[in-house]
Amino acid sequence: MVLHQSLKEKADAGLNIKITKDMKISDVIEKYPEAIMIFINHGLGCVGCSSSSHDTIEQGCKIHALDTGQLLEELNDFVKNH
């Protein structure tokens, strides 16, 4: 039994996806490449740097002094419609 599934595996399995503050930035971008613009528009230009592979959304927001809740709301609205 697999205890941890990546965002991509969950989406591929048809599971309902909700992006959370604990998800790695790179996992979200891997499944939803179009979401890069949402990160950039919020001031998270690190979507292409090595930090995105180990930083969570919450960590990235703290580093850049951004509102995690606002970013998550916009990301989840995007996911819901795609």
C-alpha atoms as a PDB file:
ATOM      1  CA  MET A   1       0.000   0.000   0.000  1.00  0.00           C
ATOM      2  CA  VAL A   2       1.329   3.425  -0.960  1.00  0.00           C
ATOM      3  CA  LEU A   3       1.054   5.884   1.897  1.00  0.00           C
ATOM      4  CA  HIS A   4       2.217   8.929  -0.032  1.00  0.00           C
ATOM      5  CA  GLN A   5       1.183   9.841  -3.534  1.00  0.00           C
ATOM      6  CA  SER A   6       2.509  12.779  -5.481  1.00  0.00           C
ATOM      7  CA  LEU A   7       0.123  15.439  -6.714  1.00  0.00           C
ATOM      8  CA  LYS A   8       0.519  14.053 -10.228  1.00  0.00           C
ATOM      9  CA  GLU A   9      -0.307  10.507  -9.113  1.00  0.00           C
ATOM     10  CA  LYS A  10      -3.418  11.708  -7.296  1.00  0.00           C
ATOM     11  CA  ALA A  11      -4.611  13.703 -10.286  1.00  0.00           C
ATOM     12  CA  ASP A  12      -3.877  10.834 -12.669  1.00  0.00           C
ATOM     13  CA  ALA A  13      -5.933   8.553 -10.417  1.00  0.00           C
ATOM     14  CA  GLY A  14      -8.864  10.943 -10.693  1.00  0.00           C
ATOM     15  CA  LEU A  15      -8.718  11.989  -7.059  1.00  0.00           C
ATOM     16  CA  ASN A  16     -10.004  15.388  -6.020  1.00  0.00           C
ATOM     17  CA  ILE A  17      -6.986  17.679  -5.694  1.00  0.00           C
ATOM     18  CA  LYS A  18      -6.685  20.510  -3.214  1.00  0.00           C
ATOM     19  CA  ILE A  19      -3.431  22.396  -3.129  1.00  0.00           C
ATOM     20  CA  THR A  20      -2.201  22.945   0.419  1.00  0.00           C
ATOM     21  CA  LYS A  21       0.550  25.005   2.034  1.00  0.00           C
ATOM     22  CA  ASP A  22       2.546  21.828   2.711  1.00  0.00           C
ATOM     23  CA  MET A  23       2.896  20.869  -0.960  1.00  0.00           C
ATOM     24  CA  LYS A  24       6.177  21.389  -2.731  1.00  0.00           C
ATOM     25  CA  ILE A  25       6.106  24.162  -5.297  1.00  0.00           C
ATOM     26  CA  SER A  26       7.650  21.844  -7.903  1.00  0.00           C
ATOM     27  CA  ASP A  27       4.891  19.226  -7.415  1.00  0.00           C
ATOM     28  CA  VAL A  28       2.208  21.790  -8.198  1.00  0.00           C
ATOM     29  CA  ILE A  29       4.083  23.075 -11.240  1.00  0.00           C
ATOM     30  CA  GLU A  30       4.730  19.548 -12.504  1.00  0.00           C
ATOM     31  CA  LYS A  31       1.002  18.808 -12.640  1.00  0.00           C
ATOM     32  CA  TYR A  32      -0.187  22.301 -13.564  1.00  0.00           C
ATOM     33  CA  PRO A  33       2.553  24.059 -15.581  1.00  0.00           C
ATOM     34  CA  GLU A  34       0.130  26.894 -16.360  1.00  0.00           C
ATOM     35  CA  ALA A  35       0.083  27.702 -12.640  1.00  0.00           C
ATOM     36  CA  ILE A  36       3.594  29.137 -12.971  1.00  0.00           C
ATOM     37  CA  MET A  37       2.035  32.484 -13.842  1.00  0.00           C
ATOM     38  CA  ILE A  38       0.037  32.463 -10.604  1.00  0.00           C
ATOM     39  CA  PHE A  39       3.216  31.961  -8.585  1.00  0.00           C
ATOM     40  CA  ILE A  40       5.020  34.691 -10.556  1.00  0.00           C
ATOM     41  CA  ASN A  41       2.097  37.124 -10.245  1.00  0.00           C
ATOM     42  CA  HIS A  42       2.232  36.664  -6.476  1.00  0.00           C
ATOM     43  CA  GLY A  43       5.963  37.381  -6.375  1.00  0.00           C
ATOM     44  CA  LEU A  44       7.259  33.810  -6.256  1.00  0.00           C
ATOM     45  CA  GLY A  45       9.674  33.909  -9.156  1.00  0.00           C
ATOM     46  CA  CYS A  46      11.586  30.942  -7.746  1.00  0.00           C
ATOM     47  CA  VAL A  47       9.439  28.488  -9.693  1.00  0.00           C
ATOM     48  CA  GLY A  48      12.408  27.693 -11.909  1.00  0.00           C
ATOM     49  CA  CYS A  49      15.119  27.580  -9.267  1.00  0.00           C
ATOM     50  CA  SER A  50      16.320  24.603  -7.266  1.00  0.00           C
ATOM     51  CA  SER A  51      14.465  25.804  -4.153  1.00  0.00           C
ATOM     52  CA  SER A  52      11.130  24.928  -5.726  1.00  0.00           C
ATOM     53  CA  SER A  53      11.984  21.226  -5.550  1.00  0.00           C
ATOM     54  CA  HIS A  54      12.275  21.227  -1.770  1.00  0.00           C
ATOM     55  CA  ASP A  55      10.402  24.345  -0.577  1.00  0.00           C
ATOM     56  CA  THR A  56       6.734  24.068   0.246  1.00  0.00           C
ATOM     57  CA  ILE A  57       4.297  26.770  -0.780  1.00  0.00           C
ATOM     58  CA  GLU A  58       4.249  28.005   2.818  1.00  0.00           C
ATOM     59  CA  GLN A  59       8.054  28.201   2.990  1.00  0.00           C
ATOM     60  CA  GLY A  60       8.217  30.107  -0.302  1.00  0.00           C
ATOM     61  CA  CYS A  61       5.584  32.552   0.884  1.00  0.00           C
ATOM     62  CA  LYS A  62       7.407  33.128   4.181  1.00  0.00           C
ATOM     63  CA  ILE A  63      10.726  33.720   2.411  1.00  0.00           C
ATOM     64  CA  HIS A  64       9.109  36.297   0.123  1.00  0.00           C
ATOM     65  CA  ALA A  65       6.724  37.755   2.771  1.00  0.00           C
ATOM     66  CA  LEU A  66       3.632  36.749   0.795  1.00  0.00           C
ATOM     67  CA  ASP A  67       0.091  35.891   1.848  1.00  0.00           C
ATOM     68  CA  THR A  68      -0.080  32.082   1.742  1.00  0.00           C
ATOM     69  CA  GLY A  69      -3.879  32.006   1.974  1.00  0.00           C
ATOM     70  CA  GLN A  70      -4.370  34.316  -0.984  1.00  0.00           C
ATOM     71  CA  LEU A  71      -1.968  32.314  -3.157  1.00  0.00           C
ATOM     72  CA  LEU A  72      -3.627  29.008  -2.188  1.00  0.00           C
ATOM     73  CA  GLU A  73      -7.070  30.395  -2.944  1.00  0.00           C
ATOM     74  CA  GLU A  74      -6.023  31.419  -6.432  1.00  0.00           C
ATOM     75  CA  LEU A  75      -4.196  28.127  -7.090  1.00  0.00           C
ATOM     76  CA  ASN A  76      -7.185  26.070  -5.961  1.00  0.00           C
ATOM     77  CA  ASP A  77      -9.560  28.149  -8.084  1.00  0.00           C
ATOM     78  CA  PHE A  78      -7.281  27.450 -11.034  1.00  0.00           C
ATOM     79  CA  VAL A  79      -7.155  23.685 -10.308  1.00  0.00           C
ATOM     80  CA  LYS A  80     -10.913  23.507  -9.912  1.00  0.00           C
ATOM     81  CA  ASN A  81     -11.371  24.958 -13.393  1.00  0.00           C
ATOM     82  CA  HIS A  82      -8.744  22.834 -15.182  1.00  0.00           C
END
